[in-house]
């Protein structure tokens, strides 16, 4: 499946003040097949979806989501982090076939 992966993570473009909330937006290309659909030929399409999304900032997990096949294709996920210091927010997606994608965005704190 060629149209899979390519994660994007976006955060604030301007420096933040210490303690300010930073909105992090993520998007990844993924078919998110539930295992309930059938092909045009009537064959079942196997389940293949992202199971977990984990975000880390400052050495700690700041967001974690556990998904099922009920999440739509090419899922978008956003969350806030309290900007305490400059550094990366790293996001990891893992799917039911053992594939893993990582992407990060830098937060700047003045």
N, C-alpha and C. Protein backbone atom coordinates (compact mmCIF):
# COMPACT_ATOMS: atom_id res chain seq x y z
N UNK A 1 0.85 -1.17 0.00
CA UNK A 1 0.00 0.00 0.00
C UNK A 1 0.89 1.23 0.00
N UNK A 2 0.91 1.95 -1.12
CA UNK A 2 1.82 3.08 -1.29
C UNK A 2 1.37 4.31 -0.52
N UNK A 3 0.07 4.46 -0.34
CA UNK A 3 -0.46 5.66 0.31
C UNK A 3 -0.59 5.46 1.81
N UNK A 4 0.53 5.28 2.48
CA UNK A 4 0.49 5.06 3.92
C UNK A 4 1.69 5.76 4.57
N UNK A 5 1.48 6.23 5.78
CA UNK A 5 2.57 6.92 6.48
C UNK A 5 2.53 8.40 6.24
N UNK A 6 3.68 9.00 5.98
CA UNK A 6 3.83 10.43 5.76
C UNK A 6 3.18 11.26 6.87
N UNK A 7 3.60 11.08 8.13
CA UNK A 7 3.01 11.84 9.22
C UNK A 7 3.39 13.31 9.18
N UNK A 8 2.49 14.15 9.67
CA UNK A 8 2.74 15.58 9.78
C UNK A 8 2.41 16.00 11.20
N UNK A 9 3.27 16.82 11.77
CA UNK A 9 3.04 17.36 13.11
C UNK A 9 3.31 18.87 13.03
N UNK A 10 2.35 19.64 13.51
CA UNK A 10 2.49 21.11 13.50
C UNK A 10 2.29 21.63 14.92
N UNK A 11 3.02 22.69 15.22
CA UNK A 11 2.89 23.35 16.51
C UNK A 11 2.94 24.85 16.31
N UNK A 12 3.03 25.59 17.41
CA UNK A 12 3.08 27.06 17.30
C UNK A 12 4.30 27.51 16.50
N UNK A 13 4.10 28.48 15.64
CA UNK A 13 5.20 29.01 14.85
C UNK A 13 6.01 30.05 15.61
N UNK A 14 5.34 30.76 16.53
CA UNK A 14 6.01 31.81 17.30
C UNK A 14 6.43 31.26 18.66
N UNK A 15 7.48 31.87 19.24
CA UNK A 15 7.88 31.45 20.60
C UNK A 15 6.75 31.71 21.60
N UNK A 16 6.65 30.82 22.58
CA UNK A 16 5.63 30.93 23.61
C UNK A 16 6.24 31.41 24.92
N UNK A 17 5.40 31.93 25.80
CA UNK A 17 5.84 32.27 27.14
C UNK A 17 5.76 31.01 27.98
N UNK A 18 6.64 30.91 28.97
CA UNK A 18 6.66 29.74 29.83
C UNK A 18 5.29 29.55 30.49
N UNK A 19 4.77 28.32 30.41
CA UNK A 19 3.48 27.98 30.99
C UNK A 19 2.31 28.13 30.03
N UNK A 20 2.55 28.71 28.87
CA UNK A 20 1.49 28.89 27.88
C UNK A 20 1.14 27.55 27.23
N UNK A 21 -0.12 27.40 26.81
CA UNK A 21 -0.56 26.16 26.16
C UNK A 21 -0.17 26.18 24.69
N UNK A 22 0.39 25.07 24.23
CA UNK A 22 0.79 24.92 22.83
C UNK A 22 -0.13 23.90 22.17
N UNK A 23 -0.81 24.31 21.11
CA UNK A 23 -1.66 23.39 20.37
C UNK A 23 -0.81 22.60 19.38
N UNK A 24 -0.87 21.28 19.47
CA UNK A 24 -0.14 20.40 18.56
C UNK A 24 -1.17 19.69 17.68
N UNK A 25 -0.96 19.75 16.36
CA UNK A 25 -1.87 19.12 15.40
C UNK A 25 -1.11 18.04 14.65
N UNK A 26 -1.72 16.87 14.51
CA UNK A 26 -1.07 15.78 13.79
C UNK A 26 -2.01 15.20 12.73
N UNK A 27 -1.42 14.65 11.70
CA UNK A 27 -2.15 14.02 10.61
C UNK A 27 -1.27 12.93 10.03
N UNK A 28 -1.86 11.79 9.69
CA UNK A 28 -1.10 10.71 9.07
C UNK A 28 -1.96 10.03 8.01
N UNK A 29 -1.32 9.63 6.92
CA UNK A 29 -2.02 8.87 5.88
C UNK A 29 -2.10 7.42 6.33
N UNK A 30 -3.32 6.90 6.41
CA UNK A 30 -3.50 5.50 6.79
C UNK A 30 -4.90 5.07 6.39
N UNK A 31 -5.05 3.83 5.87
CA UNK A 31 -6.38 3.38 5.42
C UNK A 31 -7.38 3.14 6.55
N UNK A 32 -6.91 2.82 7.75
CA UNK A 32 -7.76 2.59 8.91
C UNK A 32 -8.91 1.63 8.59
N UNK A 33 -8.55 0.46 8.08
CA UNK A 33 -9.54 -0.56 7.75
C UNK A 33 -10.01 -1.28 9.01
N UNK A 34 -11.31 -1.38 9.19
CA UNK A 34 -11.89 -1.98 10.40
C UNK A 34 -11.91 -3.50 10.37
N UNK A 35 -11.83 -4.08 9.17
CA UNK A 35 -11.96 -5.52 9.02
C UNK A 35 -13.40 -5.93 8.73
N UNK A 36 -14.29 -4.97 8.63
CA UNK A 36 -15.71 -5.26 8.40
C UNK A 36 -16.14 -5.06 6.95
N UNK A 37 -15.31 -4.40 6.15
CA UNK A 37 -15.67 -4.14 4.75
C UNK A 37 -15.27 -5.30 3.85
N UNK A 38 -15.86 -5.32 2.65
CA UNK A 38 -15.50 -6.32 1.64
C UNK A 38 -15.05 -5.61 0.38
N UNK A 39 -14.21 -6.27 -0.38
CA UNK A 39 -13.75 -5.72 -1.66
C UNK A 39 -14.88 -5.82 -2.69
N UNK A 40 -14.64 -5.26 -3.87
CA UNK A 40 -15.63 -5.32 -4.95
C UNK A 40 -15.93 -6.76 -5.35
N UNK A 41 -14.96 -7.65 -5.11
CA UNK A 41 -15.12 -9.07 -5.43
C UNK A 41 -15.80 -9.83 -4.30
N UNK A 42 -16.12 -9.16 -3.19
CA UNK A 42 -16.79 -9.80 -2.07
C UNK A 42 -15.86 -10.42 -1.04
N UNK A 43 -14.54 -10.21 -1.22
CA UNK A 43 -13.57 -10.74 -0.27
C UNK A 43 -13.44 -9.80 0.92
N UNK A 44 -13.31 -10.33 2.13
CA UNK A 44 -13.14 -9.45 3.29
C UNK A 44 -11.81 -8.69 3.22
N UNK A 45 -11.86 -7.43 3.59
CA UNK A 45 -10.65 -6.62 3.68
C UNK A 45 -10.16 -6.74 5.12
N UNK A 46 -8.94 -7.25 5.33
CA UNK A 46 -8.45 -7.45 6.70
C UNK A 46 -8.32 -6.14 7.49
N UNK A 47 -8.47 -6.24 8.78
CA UNK A 47 -8.31 -5.08 9.66
C UNK A 47 -6.87 -4.58 9.56
N UNK A 48 -6.72 -3.27 9.48
CA UNK A 48 -5.41 -2.62 9.43
C UNK A 48 -5.62 -1.17 9.86
N UNK A 49 -5.32 -0.88 11.10
CA UNK A 49 -5.54 0.45 11.61
C UNK A 49 -4.47 0.82 12.64
N UNK A 50 -4.39 2.10 12.94
CA UNK A 50 -3.45 2.58 13.94
C UNK A 50 -4.03 2.25 15.31
N UNK A 51 -3.23 1.58 16.14
CA UNK A 51 -3.68 1.19 17.47
C UNK A 51 -3.34 2.23 18.53
N UNK A 52 -2.14 2.81 18.45
CA UNK A 52 -1.74 3.77 19.47
C UNK A 52 -1.06 4.99 18.86
N UNK A 53 -1.30 6.11 19.49
CA UNK A 53 -0.60 7.36 19.18
C UNK A 53 -0.07 7.86 20.51
N UNK A 54 1.23 8.12 20.56
CA UNK A 54 1.86 8.58 21.80
C UNK A 54 2.65 9.85 21.52
N UNK A 55 2.50 10.84 22.40
CA UNK A 55 3.25 12.09 22.27
C UNK A 55 4.11 12.28 23.51
N UNK A 56 5.37 12.68 23.29
CA UNK A 56 6.31 12.91 24.39
C UNK A 56 6.89 14.32 24.28
N UNK A 57 7.07 14.94 25.44
CA UNK A 57 7.64 16.30 25.52
C UNK A 57 8.38 16.40 26.84
N UNK A 58 9.60 16.85 26.79
CA UNK A 58 10.38 17.03 28.01
C UNK A 58 10.63 15.74 28.76
N UNK A 59 10.75 14.62 28.03
CA UNK A 59 11.03 13.33 28.66
C UNK A 59 9.83 12.63 29.27
N UNK A 60 8.62 13.16 29.05
CA UNK A 60 7.42 12.55 29.62
C UNK A 60 6.35 12.36 28.54
N UNK A 61 5.51 11.37 28.73
CA UNK A 61 4.36 11.18 27.84
C UNK A 61 3.32 12.23 28.20
N UNK A 62 2.91 13.03 27.20
CA UNK A 62 1.95 14.10 27.45
C UNK A 62 0.59 13.81 26.83
N UNK A 63 0.51 12.84 25.92
CA UNK A 63 -0.76 12.44 25.32
C UNK A 63 -0.62 11.01 24.81
N UNK A 64 -1.67 10.23 25.00
CA UNK A 64 -1.67 8.87 24.48
C UNK A 64 -3.10 8.51 24.11
N UNK A 65 -3.26 7.97 22.91
CA UNK A 65 -4.57 7.56 22.44
C UNK A 65 -4.51 6.10 22.00
N UNK A 66 -5.54 5.35 22.33
CA UNK A 66 -5.68 3.98 21.87
C UNK A 66 -6.88 3.96 20.93
N UNK A 67 -6.63 3.60 19.68
CA UNK A 67 -7.67 3.66 18.67
C UNK A 67 -8.13 2.27 18.26
N UNK A 68 -9.25 2.24 17.55
CA UNK A 68 -9.78 1.00 16.98
C UNK A 68 -10.03 1.23 15.50
N UNK A 69 -10.63 0.26 14.85
CA UNK A 69 -10.95 0.39 13.43
C UNK A 69 -12.07 1.38 13.17
N UNK A 70 -12.66 1.94 14.22
CA UNK A 70 -13.76 2.89 14.06
C UNK A 70 -13.27 4.31 13.75
N UNK A 71 -11.97 4.53 13.77
CA UNK A 71 -11.41 5.85 13.47
C UNK A 71 -11.29 5.99 11.95
N UNK A 72 -11.61 7.17 11.44
CA UNK A 72 -11.65 7.39 9.99
C UNK A 72 -10.27 7.33 9.32
N UNK A 73 -10.31 7.14 8.02
CA UNK A 73 -9.12 7.13 7.17
C UNK A 73 -8.36 8.44 7.33
N UNK A 74 -7.02 8.38 7.28
CA UNK A 74 -6.15 9.55 7.39
C UNK A 74 -6.48 10.37 8.64
N UNK A 75 -6.32 9.77 9.81
CA UNK A 75 -6.77 10.43 11.04
C UNK A 75 -5.98 11.67 11.44
N UNK A 76 -6.74 12.64 11.96
CA UNK A 76 -6.22 13.89 12.52
C UNK A 76 -6.34 13.78 14.03
N UNK A 77 -5.31 14.22 14.75
CA UNK A 77 -5.31 14.16 16.21
C UNK A 77 -4.65 15.43 16.72
N UNK A 78 -5.31 16.13 17.63
CA UNK A 78 -4.70 17.34 18.19
C UNK A 78 -4.78 17.30 19.71
N UNK A 79 -3.86 18.02 20.35
CA UNK A 79 -3.80 18.06 21.80
C UNK A 79 -2.99 19.29 22.21
N UNK A 80 -3.08 19.64 23.49
CA UNK A 80 -2.33 20.76 24.04
C UNK A 80 -1.24 20.25 24.97
N UNK A 81 -0.13 20.98 25.00
CA UNK A 81 0.92 20.73 26.00
C UNK A 81 1.24 22.06 26.67
N UNK A 82 1.61 22.00 27.93
CA UNK A 82 2.03 23.19 28.65
C UNK A 82 3.50 23.43 28.32
N UNK A 83 3.77 24.54 27.67
CA UNK A 83 5.13 24.85 27.20
C UNK A 83 5.99 25.33 28.36
N UNK A 84 6.78 24.41 28.93
CA UNK A 84 7.66 24.74 30.05
C UNK A 84 9.07 25.10 29.61
N UNK A 85 9.52 24.48 28.51
CA UNK A 85 10.87 24.74 28.03
C UNK A 85 10.93 24.44 26.53
N UNK A 86 11.92 25.00 25.87
CA UNK A 86 12.11 24.74 24.45
C UNK A 86 12.51 23.29 24.24
N UNK A 87 12.00 22.70 23.18
CA UNK A 87 12.35 21.31 22.87
C UNK A 87 11.32 20.68 21.96
N UNK A 88 11.58 19.44 21.56
CA UNK A 88 10.68 18.77 20.62
C UNK A 88 9.47 18.11 21.31
N UNK A 89 8.38 18.08 20.58
CA UNK A 89 7.24 17.23 20.90
C UNK A 89 7.29 16.12 19.86
N UNK A 90 7.53 14.89 20.32
CA UNK A 90 7.65 13.74 19.42
C UNK A 90 6.37 12.93 19.44
N UNK A 91 5.88 12.56 18.27
CA UNK A 91 4.65 11.78 18.16
C UNK A 91 4.97 10.47 17.45
N UNK A 92 4.46 9.37 17.99
CA UNK A 92 4.67 8.03 17.43
C UNK A 92 3.32 7.37 17.18
N UNK A 93 3.14 6.85 15.96
CA UNK A 93 1.95 6.09 15.59
C UNK A 93 2.35 4.64 15.38
N UNK A 94 1.57 3.68 15.90
CA UNK A 94 1.82 2.25 15.69
C UNK A 94 0.54 1.60 15.21
N UNK A 95 0.66 0.75 14.18
CA UNK A 95 -0.55 0.12 13.66
C UNK A 95 -0.59 -1.39 13.91
N UNK A 96 -1.67 -2.02 13.48
CA UNK A 96 -1.91 -3.44 13.74
C UNK A 96 -0.98 -4.37 12.98
N UNK A 97 -0.24 -3.85 12.01
CA UNK A 97 0.71 -4.68 11.27
C UNK A 97 2.14 -4.46 11.78
N UNK A 98 2.28 -3.76 12.89
CA UNK A 98 3.60 -3.54 13.47
C UNK A 98 4.37 -2.38 12.86
N UNK A 99 3.75 -1.63 11.96
CA UNK A 99 4.42 -0.48 11.36
C UNK A 99 4.42 0.67 12.37
N UNK A 100 5.46 1.49 12.29
CA UNK A 100 5.61 2.60 13.23
C UNK A 100 6.13 3.82 12.48
N UNK A 101 5.57 4.97 12.82
CA UNK A 101 6.01 6.23 12.23
C UNK A 101 6.27 7.21 13.35
N UNK A 102 7.29 8.06 13.16
CA UNK A 102 7.62 9.07 14.16
C UNK A 102 7.83 10.40 13.45
N UNK A 103 7.39 11.45 14.13
CA UNK A 103 7.60 12.80 13.63
C UNK A 103 7.62 13.73 14.83
N UNK A 104 8.25 14.87 14.67
CA UNK A 104 8.33 15.81 15.80
C UNK A 104 8.22 17.24 15.32
N UNK A 105 7.93 18.11 16.29
CA UNK A 105 7.88 19.56 16.05
C UNK A 105 8.58 20.22 17.23
N UNK A 106 9.29 21.29 16.95
CA UNK A 106 10.02 22.02 18.00
C UNK A 106 9.13 23.10 18.59
N UNK A 107 9.14 23.19 19.90
CA UNK A 107 8.46 24.29 20.60
C UNK A 107 9.55 25.21 21.15
N UNK A 108 9.34 26.51 20.93
CA UNK A 108 10.29 27.50 21.44
C UNK A 108 9.63 28.26 22.58
N UNK A 109 10.32 28.34 23.72
CA UNK A 109 9.81 29.06 24.89
C UNK A 109 10.78 30.18 25.23
N UNK A 110 10.24 31.37 25.41
CA UNK A 110 11.07 32.54 25.75
C UNK A 110 11.21 32.68 27.24
